[in-house]
N, C-alpha and C. Protein backbone atom coordinates (compact mmCIF):
# COMPACT_ATOMS: atom_id res chain seq x y z
N MET A 1 -22.26 -44.90 -7.22
CA MET A 1 -21.02 -44.82 -6.77
C MET A 1 -20.45 -44.21 -8.25
N TYR A 2 -19.70 -43.32 -8.15
CA TYR A 2 -19.02 -42.84 -9.47
C TYR A 2 -17.75 -43.63 -9.77
N LEU A 3 -17.38 -43.79 -10.83
CA LEU A 3 -16.18 -44.46 -11.11
C LEU A 3 -14.91 -43.89 -10.45
N ARG A 4 -14.75 -42.65 -10.34
CA ARG A 4 -13.43 -41.91 -9.57
C ARG A 4 -13.60 -42.43 -8.23
N ASP A 5 -14.70 -42.47 -7.56
CA ASP A 5 -15.03 -42.68 -6.07
C ASP A 5 -14.65 -44.30 -5.97
N PHE A 6 -15.04 -45.08 -6.93
CA PHE A 6 -14.81 -46.57 -6.98
C PHE A 6 -13.10 -46.87 -6.95
N GLN A 7 -12.61 -46.26 -7.88
CA GLN A 7 -11.22 -46.45 -8.03
C GLN A 7 -10.44 -45.87 -6.91
N GLN A 8 -10.85 -44.86 -6.11
CA GLN A 8 -10.14 -44.40 -4.93
C GLN A 8 -10.53 -45.31 -3.87
N LEU A 9 -11.71 -45.96 -3.75
CA LEU A 9 -11.94 -47.07 -2.83
C LEU A 9 -11.11 -48.14 -2.83
N ILE A 10 -11.10 -48.73 -4.02
CA ILE A 10 -10.11 -49.86 -4.43
C ILE A 10 -8.70 -49.43 -3.88
N GLU A 11 -8.27 -48.37 -4.27
CA GLU A 11 -6.93 -47.92 -3.80
C GLU A 11 -6.61 -47.92 -2.49
N LYS A 12 -7.57 -47.53 -1.77
CA LYS A 12 -7.54 -47.33 -0.29
C LYS A 12 -7.50 -48.81 0.44
N MET A 13 -8.33 -49.70 -0.05
CA MET A 13 -8.61 -51.02 0.27
C MET A 13 -7.40 -51.79 0.10
N TYR A 14 -6.84 -51.81 -1.12
CA TYR A 14 -5.94 -52.70 -1.59
C TYR A 14 -4.60 -52.37 -2.04
N SER A 15 -4.14 -51.06 -1.98
CA SER A 15 -3.04 -50.54 -2.55
C SER A 15 -1.79 -51.19 -2.01
N HIS A 16 -1.91 -51.43 -0.61
CA HIS A 16 -0.70 -51.95 -0.07
C HIS A 16 -0.35 -53.38 -0.77
N LYS A 17 -1.29 -54.03 -1.17
CA LYS A 17 -1.02 -55.50 -1.74
C LYS A 17 -0.74 -55.36 -3.20
N ASP A 18 -1.51 -54.32 -3.79
CA ASP A 18 -1.36 -54.27 -5.29
C ASP A 18 -0.24 -53.87 -5.78
N ARG A 19 0.39 -52.84 -5.22
CA ARG A 19 1.68 -52.13 -5.48
C ARG A 19 2.71 -53.06 -5.52
N ALA A 20 2.68 -53.91 -4.43
CA ALA A 20 3.75 -55.00 -4.21
C ALA A 20 3.71 -56.06 -5.26
N ARG A 21 2.55 -56.44 -5.77
CA ARG A 21 2.29 -57.48 -6.78
C ARG A 21 2.75 -56.97 -8.09
N GLY A 22 2.57 -55.59 -8.40
CA GLY A 22 3.02 -54.75 -9.54
C GLY A 22 2.09 -55.26 -10.74
N PRO A 23 2.39 -54.43 -11.93
CA PRO A 23 1.54 -54.60 -13.05
C PRO A 23 1.24 -56.00 -13.57
N ALA A 24 2.31 -56.86 -13.84
CA ALA A 24 2.18 -58.02 -14.48
C ALA A 24 1.39 -59.10 -13.62
N GLY A 25 1.62 -58.99 -12.33
CA GLY A 25 0.80 -59.87 -11.49
C GLY A 25 -0.53 -59.63 -11.25
N THR A 26 -0.89 -58.06 -11.32
CA THR A 26 -2.06 -57.86 -11.27
C THR A 26 -2.92 -58.03 -12.52
N PHE A 27 -2.33 -57.73 -13.67
CA PHE A 27 -2.67 -58.31 -14.99
C PHE A 27 -3.22 -59.73 -15.10
N VAL A 28 -2.58 -60.59 -14.36
CA VAL A 28 -2.73 -61.94 -14.29
C VAL A 28 -4.25 -62.19 -13.41
N TRP A 29 -4.26 -61.51 -12.58
CA TRP A 29 -5.48 -61.62 -11.75
C TRP A 29 -6.62 -60.98 -12.48
N LEU A 30 -6.62 -59.92 -13.32
CA LEU A 30 -7.55 -59.50 -13.99
C LEU A 30 -7.93 -60.52 -14.97
N VAL A 31 -7.16 -61.19 -15.69
CA VAL A 31 -7.48 -62.15 -16.76
C VAL A 31 -8.10 -63.37 -16.11
N GLU A 32 -7.86 -63.79 -14.84
CA GLU A 32 -8.49 -64.81 -14.20
C GLU A 32 -9.95 -64.27 -13.94
N GLU A 33 -10.12 -63.14 -13.42
CA GLU A 33 -11.40 -62.76 -13.22
C GLU A 33 -12.38 -62.55 -14.51
N ILE A 34 -11.61 -62.10 -15.65
CA ILE A 34 -12.40 -62.34 -16.86
C ILE A 34 -12.82 -63.53 -17.40
N GLY A 35 -12.00 -64.66 -17.03
CA GLY A 35 -12.38 -66.08 -17.25
C GLY A 35 -13.67 -66.50 -16.49
N GLU A 36 -13.70 -66.02 -15.08
CA GLU A 36 -14.60 -66.40 -14.38
C GLU A 36 -15.91 -65.64 -14.68
N LEU A 37 -15.79 -64.46 -15.27
CA LEU A 37 -17.07 -63.66 -15.94
C LEU A 37 -17.47 -64.46 -17.08
N ALA A 38 -16.46 -65.09 -18.07
CA ALA A 38 -16.78 -65.62 -19.13
C ALA A 38 -17.69 -66.95 -18.95
N ALA A 39 -17.29 -67.59 -17.65
CA ALA A 39 -18.00 -68.88 -17.32
C ALA A 39 -19.64 -68.37 -16.73
N ALA A 40 -19.45 -67.18 -16.05
CA ALA A 40 -20.73 -66.93 -15.53
C ALA A 40 -21.77 -66.64 -16.71
N ILE A 41 -21.10 -65.78 -17.61
CA ILE A 41 -21.97 -65.57 -19.01
C ILE A 41 -22.40 -66.85 -19.64
N GLY A 42 -21.51 -67.85 -19.80
CA GLY A 42 -21.92 -69.02 -20.43
C GLY A 42 -22.90 -69.89 -19.54
N ASP A 43 -22.93 -69.71 -18.29
CA ASP A 43 -23.94 -70.42 -17.47
C ASP A 43 -25.26 -69.74 -17.58
N ASN A 44 -25.25 -68.41 -17.39
CA ASN A 44 -26.44 -67.54 -17.60
C ASN A 44 -27.66 -68.02 -16.67
N LYS A 45 -27.56 -68.61 -15.64
CA LYS A 45 -28.52 -69.08 -14.67
C LYS A 45 -28.32 -68.48 -13.38
N ASP A 46 -27.48 -68.06 -12.94
CA ASP A 46 -27.20 -67.56 -11.72
C ASP A 46 -26.85 -65.90 -11.82
N ARG A 47 -27.80 -65.17 -11.68
CA ARG A 47 -27.76 -63.59 -11.87
C ARG A 47 -26.80 -62.97 -11.05
N ALA A 48 -26.97 -63.65 -9.60
CA ALA A 48 -26.12 -62.93 -8.51
C ALA A 48 -24.80 -63.17 -8.92
N ASN A 49 -24.31 -64.39 -9.37
CA ASN A 49 -22.87 -64.56 -9.65
C ASN A 49 -22.46 -63.87 -10.73
N LEU A 50 -23.24 -63.88 -11.70
CA LEU A 50 -22.97 -62.92 -12.94
C LEU A 50 -22.78 -61.34 -12.48
N GLU A 51 -23.59 -60.87 -11.58
CA GLU A 51 -23.22 -59.50 -11.23
C GLU A 51 -21.82 -59.44 -10.27
N GLU A 52 -21.63 -60.52 -9.67
CA GLU A 52 -20.46 -60.29 -8.53
C GLU A 52 -19.23 -60.60 -9.65
N GLU A 53 -19.35 -61.38 -10.74
CA GLU A 53 -18.22 -61.31 -11.66
C GLU A 53 -17.85 -60.20 -12.22
N PHE A 54 -18.99 -59.25 -12.80
CA PHE A 54 -18.95 -58.04 -13.28
C PHE A 54 -18.15 -57.22 -12.38
N ALA A 55 -18.50 -57.04 -11.15
CA ALA A 55 -17.87 -56.17 -10.12
C ALA A 55 -16.45 -56.71 -9.93
N ASP A 56 -16.18 -57.93 -9.88
CA ASP A 56 -14.88 -58.38 -9.79
C ASP A 56 -13.88 -57.75 -11.00
N VAL A 57 -14.38 -58.01 -12.16
CA VAL A 57 -13.65 -57.49 -13.13
C VAL A 57 -13.47 -55.86 -13.11
N MET A 58 -14.50 -55.31 -12.83
CA MET A 58 -14.47 -53.95 -12.61
C MET A 58 -13.39 -53.47 -11.41
N ALA A 59 -13.45 -54.19 -10.57
CA ALA A 59 -12.45 -53.94 -9.45
C ALA A 59 -11.00 -54.18 -9.90
N TRP A 60 -10.78 -55.33 -10.54
CA TRP A 60 -9.43 -55.54 -11.02
C TRP A 60 -8.89 -54.57 -12.23
N ILE A 61 -9.89 -54.02 -12.89
CA ILE A 61 -9.46 -53.01 -13.90
C ILE A 61 -8.99 -51.75 -12.88
N ALA A 62 -10.02 -51.42 -12.02
CA ALA A 62 -9.37 -50.28 -11.22
C ALA A 62 -8.22 -50.45 -10.58
N THR A 63 -7.92 -51.81 -10.15
CA THR A 63 -6.50 -51.98 -9.20
C THR A 63 -5.53 -51.92 -10.49
N LEU A 64 -5.52 -52.32 -11.68
CA LEU A 64 -4.54 -52.45 -12.61
C LEU A 64 -4.19 -50.88 -12.90
N ALA A 65 -5.46 -50.05 -13.04
CA ALA A 65 -5.15 -48.73 -13.51
C ALA A 65 -4.35 -47.99 -12.13
N ASN A 66 -4.80 -48.03 -11.02
CA ASN A 66 -4.00 -47.65 -9.72
C ASN A 66 -2.73 -47.93 -9.86
N VAL A 67 -2.36 -49.28 -10.06
CA VAL A 67 -0.90 -49.68 -10.03
C VAL A 67 -0.18 -49.00 -11.28
N MET A 68 -0.77 -48.58 -12.28
CA MET A 68 -0.28 -47.99 -13.27
C MET A 68 -0.25 -46.50 -13.35
N ASP A 69 -0.78 -45.98 -12.25
CA ASP A 69 -1.23 -44.50 -11.99
C ASP A 69 -1.95 -44.02 -13.33
N VAL A 70 -2.90 -44.60 -13.57
CA VAL A 70 -4.05 -44.02 -14.64
C VAL A 70 -5.27 -43.69 -14.01
N ASP A 71 -5.77 -42.51 -14.07
CA ASP A 71 -7.04 -42.20 -13.68
C ASP A 71 -8.09 -42.42 -14.68
N LEU A 72 -8.87 -43.45 -14.32
CA LEU A 72 -9.72 -44.12 -15.28
C LEU A 72 -10.83 -43.02 -15.74
N THR A 73 -11.35 -42.10 -14.84
CA THR A 73 -12.24 -41.27 -15.20
C THR A 73 -11.66 -40.28 -16.24
N ARG A 74 -10.32 -39.81 -16.09
CA ARG A 74 -9.77 -38.76 -16.95
C ARG A 74 -9.54 -39.57 -18.45
N ALA A 75 -9.06 -40.79 -18.40
CA ALA A 75 -8.98 -41.51 -19.53
C ALA A 75 -10.15 -41.86 -20.41
N LEU A 76 -11.22 -42.12 -19.63
CA LEU A 76 -12.51 -42.40 -20.49
C LEU A 76 -12.99 -41.06 -20.91
N GLU A 77 -13.06 -39.97 -20.17
CA GLU A 77 -13.44 -38.52 -20.69
C GLU A 77 -12.61 -38.34 -21.77
N ALA A 78 -11.33 -38.47 -21.84
CA ALA A 78 -10.45 -38.02 -22.89
C ALA A 78 -10.82 -39.00 -24.20
N LYS A 79 -11.03 -40.08 -24.10
CA LYS A 79 -11.21 -41.12 -25.31
C LYS A 79 -12.68 -40.88 -25.72
N TYR A 80 -13.62 -41.08 -24.80
CA TYR A 80 -14.83 -40.98 -25.34
C TYR A 80 -16.00 -39.98 -24.84
N GLY A 81 -15.45 -39.17 -24.29
CA GLY A 81 -16.32 -37.96 -23.58
C GLY A 81 -16.90 -37.09 -24.60
N THR A 82 -16.39 -36.99 -26.00
CA THR A 82 -17.13 -36.19 -27.07
C THR A 82 -17.49 -37.03 -27.97
N GLY A 83 -17.69 -38.31 -27.85
CA GLY A 83 -18.22 -39.13 -29.02
C GLY A 83 -17.32 -40.20 -29.20
N CYS A 84 -17.83 -41.10 -30.27
CA CYS A 84 -17.00 -42.17 -30.85
C CYS A 84 -15.66 -41.72 -31.27
N PRO A 85 -14.54 -42.35 -30.79
CA PRO A 85 -12.97 -41.90 -31.23
C PRO A 85 -12.86 -42.05 -32.64
N GLY A 86 -13.66 -43.03 -33.40
CA GLY A 86 -13.54 -43.18 -34.84
C GLY A 86 -14.28 -42.21 -35.49
N CYS A 87 -15.62 -41.93 -35.26
CA CYS A 87 -16.36 -40.94 -36.34
C CYS A 87 -16.54 -39.72 -35.64
N GLY A 88 -16.35 -39.64 -34.24
CA GLY A 88 -16.52 -38.37 -33.54
C GLY A 88 -18.10 -38.25 -33.07
N LYS A 89 -19.00 -38.97 -33.49
CA LYS A 89 -20.37 -38.79 -33.15
C LYS A 89 -20.81 -39.41 -31.95
N MET A 90 -21.97 -38.99 -31.26
CA MET A 90 -22.30 -39.54 -29.91
C MET A 90 -23.01 -40.78 -30.23
N VAL A 91 -23.60 -41.03 -31.41
CA VAL A 91 -24.28 -42.42 -31.87
C VAL A 91 -23.31 -42.73 -32.96
N CYS A 92 -22.47 -43.82 -32.71
CA CYS A 92 -21.38 -44.12 -33.85
C CYS A 92 -22.03 -44.71 -35.06
N THR A 93 -21.46 -44.07 -36.10
CA THR A 93 -21.83 -44.43 -37.47
C THR A 93 -20.50 -45.20 -38.28
N CYS A 94 -19.51 -45.69 -37.40
CA CYS A 94 -18.42 -46.30 -38.06
C CYS A 94 -18.91 -47.61 -38.57
N ASN A 95 -18.00 -48.02 -39.54
CA ASN A 95 -18.57 -49.41 -40.24
C ASN A 95 -17.44 -50.32 -39.96
N GLU A 96 -16.15 -49.85 -39.27
CA GLU A 96 -15.18 -50.82 -39.09
C GLU A 96 -15.69 -51.91 -37.90
N LYS A 97 -16.27 -51.46 -36.90
CA LYS A 97 -16.63 -52.62 -35.87
C LYS A 97 -18.07 -52.65 -35.79
N PRO A 98 -18.78 -53.82 -35.58
CA PRO A 98 -20.15 -54.05 -35.32
C PRO A 98 -20.56 -53.43 -34.16
């Protein structure tokens, strides 16, 4: 599944709830899912749960982007499509971040 298709799928399934909740409420849900992902990473024993939590975080990122009218594919291509935003190379040579 491509990112744009996934974002559109999330929009179709949940937009009636998501837009009513708004950006702030949606962000709270995203943070909760990130916490669940952190717990799954810490546990590191249940691979299926880890994968589910990654999927949930991606779904909430897509949800928040939909609520904020952000096309994730376009945003990612604009920022990372031609290389590192810092050094401009496809294999980053920046020293600022490890």
